[in-house]
Protein backbone atom coordinates (compact mmCIF):
# COMPACT_ATOMS: atom_id res chain seq x y z
CA UNK A 1 -36.30 5.07 20.27
CA UNK A 2 -38.85 4.59 17.52
CA UNK A 3 -36.20 3.19 15.15
CA UNK A 4 -34.95 0.70 17.73
CA UNK A 5 -38.49 -0.60 18.25
CA UNK A 6 -39.02 -0.97 14.50
CA UNK A 7 -35.63 -2.68 14.15
CA UNK A 8 -36.56 -5.08 16.96
CA UNK A 9 -39.88 -5.89 15.33
CA UNK A 10 -38.22 -6.43 11.95
CA UNK A 11 -35.62 -8.68 13.53
CA UNK A 12 -38.30 -10.68 15.32
CA UNK A 13 -40.30 -11.15 12.13
CA UNK A 14 -37.15 -12.20 10.27
CA UNK A 15 -36.32 -14.82 12.90
CA UNK A 16 -39.85 -16.19 12.87
CA UNK A 17 -39.87 -16.50 9.07
CA UNK A 18 -36.45 -18.13 9.08
CA UNK A 19 -37.75 -20.73 11.50
CA UNK A 20 -40.64 -21.67 9.24
CA UNK A 21 -40.13 -24.66 7.01
CA UNK A 22 -41.93 -25.24 3.76
CA UNK A 23 -43.90 -28.45 3.45
CA UNK A 24 -41.83 -29.39 0.39
CA UNK A 25 -38.53 -29.16 2.24
CA UNK A 26 -39.99 -31.10 5.18
CA UNK A 27 -41.28 -33.77 2.80
CA UNK A 28 -37.83 -34.05 1.18
CA UNK A 29 -36.17 -34.42 4.58
CA UNK A 30 -38.67 -37.08 5.64
CA UNK A 31 -38.14 -38.99 2.40
CA UNK A 32 -34.41 -39.14 3.10
CA UNK A 33 -34.95 -40.17 6.73
CA UNK A 34 -37.65 -42.74 5.93
CA UNK A 35 -35.61 -44.30 3.13
CA UNK A 36 -33.74 -46.11 5.91
CA UNK A 37 -35.91 -49.12 6.90
CA UNK A 38 -34.63 -48.89 10.49
CA UNK A 39 -36.49 -45.58 10.89
CA UNK A 40 -39.73 -47.21 9.76
CA UNK A 41 -39.77 -49.70 12.65
CA UNK A 42 -42.30 -49.26 15.48
CA UNK A 43 -41.00 -47.57 18.62
CA UNK A 44 -38.55 -45.41 16.66
CA UNK A 45 -38.65 -41.62 16.76
CA UNK A 46 -39.76 -41.22 13.11
CA UNK A 47 -42.15 -44.19 12.89
CA UNK A 48 -45.39 -42.19 12.92
CA UNK A 49 -44.08 -39.63 10.44
CA UNK A 50 -42.73 -42.34 8.12
CA UNK A 51 -46.16 -44.00 8.14
CA UNK A 52 -47.42 -41.08 6.06
CA UNK A 53 -44.87 -41.87 3.35
CA UNK A 54 -44.62 -45.64 3.74
CA UNK A 55 -47.81 -46.95 5.35
CA UNK A 56 -47.54 -50.45 6.81
CA UNK A 57 -49.72 -53.17 5.39
CA UNK A 58 -52.37 -54.76 7.61
CA UNK A 59 -50.22 -57.89 7.83
CA UNK A 60 -47.15 -55.91 8.94
CA UNK A 61 -49.18 -54.05 11.58
CA UNK A 62 -50.52 -57.37 12.94
CA UNK A 63 -46.99 -58.79 13.08
CA UNK A 64 -45.70 -55.71 14.93
CA UNK A 65 -48.61 -55.93 17.36
CA UNK A 66 -47.98 -59.60 18.10
CA UNK A 67 -44.25 -59.07 18.54
CA UNK A 68 -44.89 -56.24 20.98
CA UNK A 69 -47.62 -57.93 23.01
CA UNK A 70 -47.08 -59.66 26.32
CA UNK A 71 -46.61 -63.41 26.10
CA UNK A 72 -48.85 -65.81 28.05
CA UNK A 73 -50.88 -65.39 31.21
């Protein structure tokens, strides 16, 4: 019984550590994803994460805001 509990704990710890991702590997994955300009457009799934690698200029942010705003009233 004691060995099965220890084996379960060891297995749990192994699964948790396998699920962890180093910041370097995450950064490399984001660089590959954000290299595609389509992923750097507002309203895309990766937009906020790609902003950390490729921040938009003030002019680009203003343009995106104007294109997304409601027209006329």
